[in-house]
Protein backbone atom coordinates (compact mmCIF):
# COMPACT_ATOMS: atom_id res chain seq x y z
CA LEU A 1 -32.01 -10.62 -28.19
CA ILE A 2 -31.59 -13.33 -30.82
CA SER A 3 -31.89 -16.06 -28.19
CA ARG A 4 -35.30 -14.65 -27.20
CA MET A 5 -36.74 -14.78 -30.71
CA ASP A 6 -39.46 -17.30 -31.59
CA ALA A 7 -37.87 -17.76 -35.01
CA VAL A 8 -34.79 -16.50 -36.78
CA VAL A 9 -34.37 -16.09 -40.52
CA ALA A 10 -30.82 -16.32 -41.85
CA THR A 11 -29.84 -15.00 -45.25
CA THR A 12 -27.12 -17.62 -45.85
CA PRO A 13 -26.31 -21.11 -44.53
CA GLU A 14 -23.11 -19.68 -43.04
CA ALA A 15 -25.06 -17.07 -41.07
CA ALA A 16 -27.42 -19.80 -39.82
CA ASP A 17 -24.50 -21.53 -38.11
CA TYR A 18 -24.05 -18.57 -35.76
CA VAL A 19 -27.53 -18.20 -34.28
CA PRO A 20 -30.17 -20.39 -32.58
CA HIS A 21 -33.81 -20.96 -33.53
CA VAL A 22 -33.20 -20.71 -37.28
CA ALA A 23 -36.53 -21.31 -38.97
CA ALA A 24 -35.25 -20.98 -42.52
CA VAL A 25 -32.49 -19.69 -44.74
CA VAL A 26 -34.04 -17.05 -46.97
CA PRO A 27 -31.67 -15.14 -49.24
CA HIS A 28 -32.28 -11.49 -49.96
CA GLY A 29 -33.94 -10.89 -53.30
CA VAL A 30 -34.35 -8.15 -55.87
CA ASP A 31 -37.40 -6.82 -57.67
CA THR A 32 -37.31 -8.71 -60.96
CA ASP A 33 -40.07 -6.50 -62.34
CA LEU A 34 -37.98 -3.37 -61.74
CA PHE A 35 -34.56 -4.74 -62.63
CA VAL A 36 -35.12 -6.22 -66.07
CA PRO A 37 -32.97 -6.69 -69.19
CA PRO A 38 -33.18 -3.75 -71.59
CA GLU A 39 -34.81 -4.05 -74.99
CA ASP A 40 -31.57 -2.76 -76.52
CA ARG A 41 -28.46 -2.93 -74.32
CA ALA A 42 -26.31 -1.01 -76.81
CA LYS A 43 -28.82 1.85 -76.75
CA ALA A 44 -29.00 1.69 -72.96
CA TRP A 45 -25.21 1.95 -72.74
CA ALA A 46 -25.09 4.79 -75.26
CA SER A 47 -27.56 6.73 -73.08
CA THR A 48 -24.87 6.94 -70.37
CA GLY A 49 -22.76 9.12 -72.64
CA MET A 50 -19.85 6.73 -72.35
CA PRO A 51 -17.82 5.67 -75.40
CA GLY A 52 -17.59 2.13 -76.73
CA GLN A 53 -20.14 -0.56 -77.40
CA PHE A 54 -20.10 -2.32 -74.02
CA GLY A 55 -20.01 -1.26 -70.38
CA ILE A 56 -18.36 -2.72 -67.31
CA GLY A 57 -19.48 -1.32 -63.97
CA ILE A 58 -18.97 -1.43 -60.24
CA VAL A 59 -21.65 -0.20 -57.82
CA GLY A 60 -21.07 0.95 -54.24
CA ARG A 61 -19.38 3.50 -52.04
CA VAL A 62 -15.92 4.43 -53.24
CA ARG A 63 -13.71 3.02 -50.49
CA PRO A 64 -11.14 0.27 -49.93
CA GLU A 65 -13.66 -2.15 -48.37
CA LYS A 66 -15.65 -2.17 -51.62
CA GLY A 67 -12.53 -2.90 -53.66
CA THR A 68 -12.85 0.17 -55.87
CA ASP A 69 -9.08 0.27 -56.18
CA LEU A 70 -9.04 -3.39 -57.25
CA PHE A 71 -11.59 -2.60 -59.94
CA VAL A 72 -9.58 0.34 -61.23
CA GLU A 73 -6.34 -1.63 -61.21
CA SER A 74 -8.05 -4.36 -63.19
CA MET A 75 -9.58 -1.92 -65.66
CA LEU A 76 -6.15 -0.42 -66.34
CA GLN A 77 -5.19 -3.84 -67.66
CA VAL A 78 -8.49 -4.86 -69.26
CA LEU A 79 -9.48 -1.75 -71.22
CA PRO A 80 -6.35 -1.57 -73.40
CA GLN A 81 -7.09 -5.17 -74.46
CA ARG A 82 -10.82 -4.54 -74.95
CA PRO A 83 -11.08 -1.28 -76.94
CA GLU A 84 -14.83 -1.72 -77.45
CA PHE A 85 -15.45 -1.66 -73.67
CA SER A 86 -15.57 1.23 -71.21
CA ALA A 87 -16.02 1.26 -67.44
CA ILE A 88 -17.98 3.24 -64.87
CA ILE A 89 -17.71 3.50 -61.10
CA ILE A 90 -21.17 4.13 -59.65
CA GLY A 91 -21.21 5.52 -56.11
CA ARG A 92 -19.85 8.38 -54.06
CA ALA A 93 -16.88 8.77 -51.79
CA LEU A 94 -17.42 10.15 -48.31
CA ALA A 95 -15.11 12.91 -47.10
CA GLN A 96 -12.73 10.47 -45.42
CA HIS A 97 -12.27 8.66 -48.72
CA ALA A 98 -11.86 11.70 -50.97
CA ALA A 99 -8.07 11.27 -51.19
CA PHE A 100 -8.55 7.58 -51.99
CA GLU A 101 -10.91 8.46 -54.84
CA GLN A 102 -8.58 11.14 -56.16
CA SER A 103 -5.65 8.74 -56.21
CA LEU A 104 -7.69 6.37 -58.38
CA LYS A 105 -8.63 9.17 -60.76
CA ASP A 106 -4.95 10.09 -60.99
CA GLN A 107 -4.04 6.51 -61.92
CA ILE A 108 -6.70 6.47 -64.63
CA ARG A 109 -5.53 9.79 -66.03
CA GLN A 110 -1.89 8.71 -66.02
CA ALA A 111 -2.90 5.63 -68.01
CA GLY A 112 -4.68 7.83 -70.55
CA LEU A 113 -8.03 6.13 -69.88
CA GLU A 114 -10.00 8.99 -68.33
CA SER A 115 -12.49 8.99 -71.22
CA ARG A 116 -13.15 5.24 -70.86
CA CYS A 117 -13.10 4.78 -67.08
CA ARG A 118 -15.19 7.34 -65.23
CA PHE A 119 -16.61 8.03 -61.81
CA VAL A 120 -20.29 8.93 -62.15
CA GLY A 121 -20.97 9.55 -58.46
CA GLU A 122 -24.08 8.66 -56.53
CA VAL A 123 -27.13 7.77 -58.59
CA PRO A 124 -30.73 8.21 -57.29
CA PRO A 125 -32.36 4.82 -56.60
CA GLN A 126 -35.05 5.41 -59.20
CA LYS A 127 -32.41 5.80 -61.91
CA MET A 128 -30.29 2.83 -60.89
CA PRO A 129 -32.18 0.16 -62.92
CA GLN A 130 -31.79 2.14 -66.13
CA LEU A 131 -28.06 2.64 -65.52
CA ILE A 132 -27.43 -1.02 -64.72
CA GLN A 133 -29.34 -2.03 -67.86
CA GLY A 134 -26.55 -0.48 -69.89
CA LEU A 135 -23.89 -2.74 -68.38
CA SER A 136 -22.73 -5.86 -70.17
CA LEU A 137 -20.77 -6.96 -67.08
CA LEU A 138 -20.97 -6.06 -63.41
CA VAL A 139 -17.92 -6.43 -61.18
CA ALA A 140 -18.17 -6.73 -57.38
CA PRO A 141 -14.69 -7.05 -55.81
CA PRO A 142 -15.18 -6.07 -52.14
CA ARG A 143 -12.69 -7.16 -49.53
CA TYR A 144 -15.60 -7.79 -47.17
CA GLU A 145 -19.35 -7.97 -47.68
CA GLY A 146 -22.11 -9.00 -45.31
CA TYR A 147 -24.40 -10.16 -48.12
CA GLY A 148 -24.27 -7.95 -51.22
CA VAL A 149 -27.29 -7.27 -53.46
CA THR A 150 -25.75 -5.36 -56.38
CA PRO A 151 -24.67 -8.54 -58.23
CA LEU A 152 -28.29 -9.71 -58.13
CA GLU A 153 -29.42 -6.38 -59.59
CA GLY A 154 -26.93 -6.75 -62.42
CA MET A 155 -27.90 -10.37 -63.04
CA ALA A 156 -31.60 -9.44 -63.03
CA CYS A 157 -30.80 -6.95 -65.79
CA GLY A 158 -29.11 -9.68 -67.81
CA ALA A 159 -25.49 -8.93 -66.98
CA PRO A 160 -23.13 -11.65 -65.76
CA VAL A 161 -21.00 -10.88 -62.70
CA VAL A 162 -17.39 -11.24 -61.65
CA ALA A 163 -17.20 -11.07 -57.85
CA SER A 164 -14.79 -11.72 -55.01
CA ASP A 165 -15.42 -14.67 -52.74
CA THR A 166 -17.13 -12.85 -49.89
CA GLY A 167 -20.70 -12.18 -48.80
CA ALA A 168 -23.18 -14.48 -50.51
CA PHE A 169 -21.65 -14.11 -53.97
CA ALA A 170 -20.59 -17.75 -54.29
CA GLU A 171 -24.22 -18.78 -53.74
CA MET A 172 -25.58 -16.29 -56.27
CA ILE A 173 -23.15 -16.99 -59.11
CA VAL A 174 -22.87 -20.28 -60.96
CA GLN A 175 -19.18 -20.48 -61.79
CA GLY A 176 -18.59 -20.23 -65.52
CA GLN A 177 -22.30 -20.00 -66.31
CA THR A 178 -23.57 -16.75 -64.82
CA GLY A 179 -20.18 -15.28 -63.97
CA TYR A 180 -17.07 -15.99 -61.91
CA VAL A 181 -16.10 -15.84 -58.25
CA VAL A 182 -12.44 -15.09 -57.59
CA PRO A 183 -10.32 -14.90 -54.41
CA VAL A 184 -10.63 -11.71 -52.37
CA GLY A 185 -8.00 -9.10 -53.26
CA ASP A 186 -6.58 -11.12 -56.17
CA VAL A 187 -6.25 -8.60 -59.01
CA PRO A 188 -4.67 -11.04 -61.49
CA ALA A 189 -7.55 -13.51 -60.96
CA LEU A 190 -10.09 -10.67 -61.21
CA THR A 191 -8.50 -9.43 -64.43
CA ASP A 192 -8.28 -12.90 -65.96
CA ALA A 193 -11.96 -13.56 -65.21
CA ILE A 194 -13.03 -10.26 -66.79
CA LEU A 195 -10.88 -10.89 -69.88
CA ASN A 196 -12.29 -14.40 -70.13
CA ILE A 197 -15.90 -13.33 -69.85
CA THR A 198 -15.52 -10.48 -72.37
CA ALA A 199 -13.57 -12.45 -74.98
CA ASP A 200 -16.62 -13.94 -76.69
CA ARG A 201 -19.57 -11.60 -77.21
CA HIS A 202 -22.05 -14.42 -77.84
CA ARG A 203 -20.99 -16.17 -74.64
CA LEU A 204 -21.22 -12.88 -72.74
CA VAL A 205 -24.83 -12.48 -73.86
CA GLN A 206 -25.70 -16.09 -73.04
CA MET A 207 -24.20 -15.79 -69.56
CA GLY A 208 -26.34 -12.71 -69.05
CA LEU A 209 -29.46 -14.63 -70.05
CA ASP A 210 -28.50 -17.44 -67.65
CA ALA A 211 -27.87 -14.87 -64.91
CA ARG A 212 -31.33 -13.38 -65.36
CA GLU A 213 -32.91 -16.84 -65.20
CA ARG A 214 -31.05 -17.71 -62.01
CA VAL A 215 -32.26 -14.57 -60.24
CA VAL A 216 -35.85 -15.14 -61.34
CA GLN A 217 -35.76 -18.71 -60.08
CA HIS A 218 -33.86 -18.27 -56.82
CA PHE A 219 -33.47 -14.61 -55.80
CA ALA A 220 -36.69 -12.80 -56.66
CA LEU A 221 -37.94 -10.36 -54.04
CA ALA A 222 -41.42 -11.90 -54.20
CA GLN A 223 -39.98 -15.29 -53.23
CA GLU A 224 -38.15 -13.75 -50.27
CA ALA A 225 -41.40 -12.16 -49.05
CA GLU A 226 -43.34 -15.38 -49.54
CA GLN A 227 -40.87 -17.48 -47.58
CA ILE A 228 -40.81 -15.02 -44.67
CA ASN A 229 -44.60 -14.85 -44.72
CA ASN A 230 -44.69 -18.66 -44.44
CA ILE A 231 -42.63 -18.49 -41.27
CA TYR A 232 -45.03 -15.98 -39.73
CA GLN A 233 -47.92 -18.24 -40.69
CA GLN A 234 -46.27 -21.21 -38.98
CA LEU A 235 -45.79 -19.19 -35.81
CA TRP A 236 -49.41 -18.06 -35.82
CA ASN A 237 -50.38 -21.69 -36.25
CA GLY A 238 -48.50 -22.50 -33.07
CA ASP A 239 -45.37 -24.08 -34.56
CA ARG A 240 -42.10 -23.63 -32.72
CA PHE A 241 -38.60 -23.65 -34.08
């Protein structure tokens, strides 16, 4: 089917290497008018009912592929060193992953961190922007990802990101400026990056501002639509790729 297309749009340069007739590489974007930094991040975090001044979050289905266990393992090391931070896991576990989720809850309880590291379950899409606005840091540690939009949503809300080197994360994140990309499955590297990024509150805020700016400039949903529209226009004009 791909070989019969008049034009193909790839979301990453790597994906473009696998298919013919690539007209353009157009990354997925997010709605930068919907996902915006909060007026008061501390107030936004307090509205979650979680303790502490700052929030660290992961978004996605609770399963091994999403690295939920890597996040929890890291939080068990980070939170004792960062008493002003708490963590939330946003997303639900399907029936086949219920035991996996329970094992993570057991680890958190055994560490005495159940009040500061909580599973909040699935959140309706319309409430997701408000919840992400409360985060000071978003973590995305999947073992595999086709593309991955949640880091862009966090960045659009002014939160830097620590992500594993999969999907398109290395293209989204400017290393050391808007977050960090670490090797897949490397809990020590993940933990070190989170500790590094949360060590200096002023730097954390500045990285969040830089993250927002990067999304606005390179990953806005309106830009994605415009670039795809341009390809349609070229085809209607008789251009061939």
